[in-house]
Amino acid sequence: MADKEITAGLEDYLEAIYIAKGKNNTVKGIDIARMLNISRASVSEALSKLVSKELITYESYGTISFTPAGQKEAKKVYETHNTLKSFFQTVLNINPEEASENACKIEHIISKNVLSEIKDFTNYCNNNPEIIDKYRQRKEQYEHLSDRKIFGSAPSNIKTE
């Protein structure tokens, strides 16, 4: 691979291709443009960059295929997104749209270690729903006490007003 650095934007394209291929094995640039609601020219430019990084194979107006490295990278981005979205929805009770939007932003910068901890904690919460219930009940008790929706009070050396 000529340049191993993959920008957040290119990761988004890989993820979009991965999702599109899951729905329909044959994916073209126009499909990605429609899916992302962007111009065909922008998609063509991004696809050219992915080809140069040896992550996909593609010729103008042809179908898009992953290289083994591209398939691996796309799957990683997709799984990271879903792990974060699941955490936001399941544990933090964030609505699906906001959860997905934030997952998309964070998926590009999160470390493997933090992602692994989030995944483990989400799985733990899924297997122990009483943990989430207790958290939400406790949160409700404290929400009326503070505009900042924090548990407990600020340390005495920090002014809150």
Protein backbone atom coordinates (compact mmCIF):
# COMPACT_ATOMS: atom_id res chain seq x y z
CA MET A 1 0.00 0.00 0.00
CA ALA A 2 1.51 3.28 -1.11
CA ASP A 3 0.17 5.46 1.72
CA LYS A 4 -1.20 3.70 4.79
CA GLU A 5 -2.88 6.79 6.26
CA ILE A 6 -6.63 6.59 5.83
CA THR A 7 -8.52 9.78 6.54
CA ALA A 8 -11.81 9.86 8.41
CA GLY A 9 -13.53 10.76 5.13
CA LEU A 10 -12.11 7.73 3.35
CA GLU A 11 -13.11 5.53 6.28
CA ASP A 12 -16.66 6.81 5.82
CA TYR A 13 -16.54 5.74 2.17
CA LEU A 14 -15.22 2.30 3.12
CA GLU A 15 -18.03 1.92 5.62
CA ALA A 16 -20.64 3.04 3.07
CA ILE A 17 -19.32 0.55 0.52
CA TYR A 18 -19.33 -2.19 3.17
CA ILE A 19 -22.96 -1.45 4.06
CA ALA A 20 -24.01 -1.23 0.41
CA LYS A 21 -22.29 -4.52 -0.40
CA GLY A 22 -24.17 -6.12 2.47
CA LYS A 23 -27.46 -5.08 0.87
CA ASN A 24 -26.49 -5.72 -2.75
CA ASN A 25 -23.30 -7.47 -3.78
CA THR A 26 -22.91 -5.24 -6.85
CA VAL A 27 -22.06 -1.67 -5.84
CA LYS A 28 -21.22 1.22 -8.13
CA GLY A 29 -20.11 4.76 -7.45
CA ILE A 30 -23.58 6.12 -8.15
CA ASP A 31 -24.94 3.89 -5.37
CA ILE A 32 -22.49 5.43 -2.90
CA ALA A 33 -23.32 8.96 -4.11
CA ARG A 34 -27.02 8.32 -3.50
CA MET A 35 -26.40 6.65 -0.18
CA LEU A 36 -24.25 9.52 1.13
CA ASN A 37 -26.25 12.20 -0.70
CA ILE A 38 -23.16 13.68 -2.33
CA SER A 39 -22.03 14.36 -5.87
CA ARG A 40 -20.82 11.63 -8.18
CA ALA A 41 -17.61 13.65 -8.70
CA SER A 42 -16.83 13.59 -4.97
CA VAL A 43 -17.38 9.85 -4.89
CA SER A 44 -15.13 9.32 -7.94
CA GLU A 45 -12.35 11.30 -6.28
CA ALA A 46 -12.62 9.29 -3.07
CA LEU A 47 -12.77 6.00 -4.95
CA SER A 48 -9.60 6.94 -6.82
CA LYS A 49 -7.86 7.55 -3.50
CA LEU A 50 -9.05 4.20 -2.17
CA VAL A 51 -7.73 2.51 -5.33
CA SER A 52 -4.34 4.22 -4.88
CA LYS A 53 -4.24 2.96 -1.29
CA GLU A 54 -5.02 -0.53 -2.61
CA LEU A 55 -8.20 -0.83 -0.55
CA ILE A 56 -10.61 -1.29 -3.45
CA THR A 57 -10.59 -2.13 -7.13
CA TYR A 58 -12.70 0.09 -9.33
CA GLU A 59 -12.84 1.49 -12.84
CA SER A 60 -15.05 4.42 -13.84
CA TYR A 61 -18.70 3.42 -13.93
CA GLY A 62 -17.76 -0.13 -12.95
CA THR A 63 -18.44 -2.09 -9.82
CA ILE A 64 -16.51 -1.57 -6.61
CA SER A 65 -14.71 -4.51 -5.00
CA PHE A 66 -12.68 -4.66 -1.83
CA THR A 67 -9.11 -5.86 -1.72
CA PRO A 68 -8.43 -8.10 1.29
CA ALA A 69 -6.91 -5.10 3.13
CA GLY A 70 -9.88 -2.93 2.19
CA GLN A 71 -12.38 -5.53 3.36
CA LYS A 72 -10.56 -5.77 6.69
CA GLU A 73 -10.45 -1.99 7.15
CA ALA A 74 -14.09 -1.50 6.14
CA LYS A 75 -15.24 -4.21 8.54
CA LYS A 76 -13.22 -2.62 11.35
CA VAL A 77 -14.79 0.82 10.77
CA TYR A 78 -18.28 -0.70 10.53
CA GLU A 79 -17.85 -2.71 13.73
CA THR A 80 -16.40 0.29 15.60
CA HIS A 81 -19.39 2.39 14.55
CA ASN A 82 -21.84 -0.27 15.70
CA THR A 83 -20.06 -0.79 19.02
CA LEU A 84 -20.21 2.92 19.79
CA LYS A 85 -23.80 3.27 18.60
CA SER A 86 -24.84 0.33 20.74
CA PHE A 87 -23.14 1.84 23.79
CA PHE A 88 -24.83 5.19 23.26
CA GLN A 89 -28.25 3.62 22.75
CA THR A 90 -28.15 0.76 25.23
CA VAL A 91 -26.18 2.22 28.10
CA LEU A 92 -26.71 5.97 27.75
CA ASN A 93 -30.25 5.78 26.29
CA ILE A 94 -29.43 8.13 23.40
CA ASN A 95 -31.86 8.11 20.46
CA PRO A 96 -30.69 6.11 17.42
CA GLU A 97 -30.08 9.11 15.14
CA GLU A 98 -27.95 10.99 17.68
CA ALA A 99 -26.18 7.78 18.67
CA SER A 100 -25.25 7.04 15.05
CA GLU A 101 -24.15 10.62 14.38
CA ASN A 102 -21.83 10.64 17.39
CA ALA A 103 -20.54 7.15 16.66
CA CYS A 104 -19.59 8.34 13.18
CA LYS A 105 -17.56 11.19 14.62
CA ILE A 106 -15.84 9.19 17.34
CA GLU A 107 -15.14 6.01 15.35
CA HIS A 108 -12.20 7.68 13.62
CA ILE A 109 -10.30 8.71 16.75
CA ILE A 110 -11.05 6.18 19.47
CA SER A 111 -8.23 3.94 20.66
CA LYS A 112 -8.52 0.15 20.47
CA ASN A 113 -8.27 -0.07 24.25
CA VAL A 114 -11.12 2.36 24.95
CA LEU A 115 -13.26 0.73 22.25
CA SER A 116 -12.62 -2.68 23.78
CA GLU A 117 -13.67 -1.41 27.22
CA ILE A 118 -16.83 0.17 25.79
CA LYS A 119 -17.68 -3.08 24.02
CA ASP A 120 -17.11 -5.13 27.18
CA PHE A 121 -19.14 -2.74 29.32
CA THR A 122 -22.01 -2.67 26.82
CA ASN A 123 -22.06 -6.47 26.74
CA TYR A 124 -21.98 -6.56 30.54
CA CYS A 125 -24.92 -4.15 30.69
CA ASN A 126 -26.84 -6.18 28.11
CA ASN A 127 -26.32 -9.29 30.22
CA ASN A 128 -27.16 -7.45 33.46
CA PRO A 129 -30.03 -5.07 32.65
CA GLU A 130 -30.50 -4.27 36.34
CA ILE A 131 -27.25 -2.25 36.10
CA ILE A 132 -28.78 0.05 33.48
CA ASP A 133 -32.05 0.27 35.40
CA LYS A 134 -30.24 1.26 38.59
CA TYR A 135 -28.16 3.84 36.70
CA ARG A 136 -31.25 5.43 35.14
CA GLN A 137 -33.13 5.49 38.43
CA ARG A 138 -30.18 7.10 40.20
CA LYS A 139 -29.78 9.60 37.38
CA GLU A 140 -33.45 10.61 37.62
CA GLN A 141 -33.02 11.23 41.35
CA TYR A 142 -30.18 13.66 40.75
CA GLU A 143 -31.38 15.40 37.58
CA HIS A 144 -33.73 17.69 39.48
CA LEU A 145 -30.86 18.80 41.75
CA SER A 146 -28.61 20.19 39.03
CA ASP A 147 -28.88 21.83 35.65
CA ARG A 148 -25.67 20.02 34.73
CA LYS A 149 -27.20 16.55 35.28
CA ILE A 150 -24.25 15.28 37.27
CA PHE A 151 -24.21 12.76 40.06
CA GLY A 152 -23.39 14.37 43.37
CA SER A 153 -21.90 17.82 43.71
CA ALA A 154 -18.82 19.49 42.27
CA PRO A 155 -15.62 19.35 44.33
CA SER A 156 -15.54 22.17 46.90
CA ASN A 157 -12.69 23.95 45.09
CA ILE A 158 -14.78 24.39 41.92
CA LYS A 159 -17.38 27.16 41.79
CA THR A 160 -20.61 26.06 40.13
CA GLU A 161 -22.39 29.42 39.94
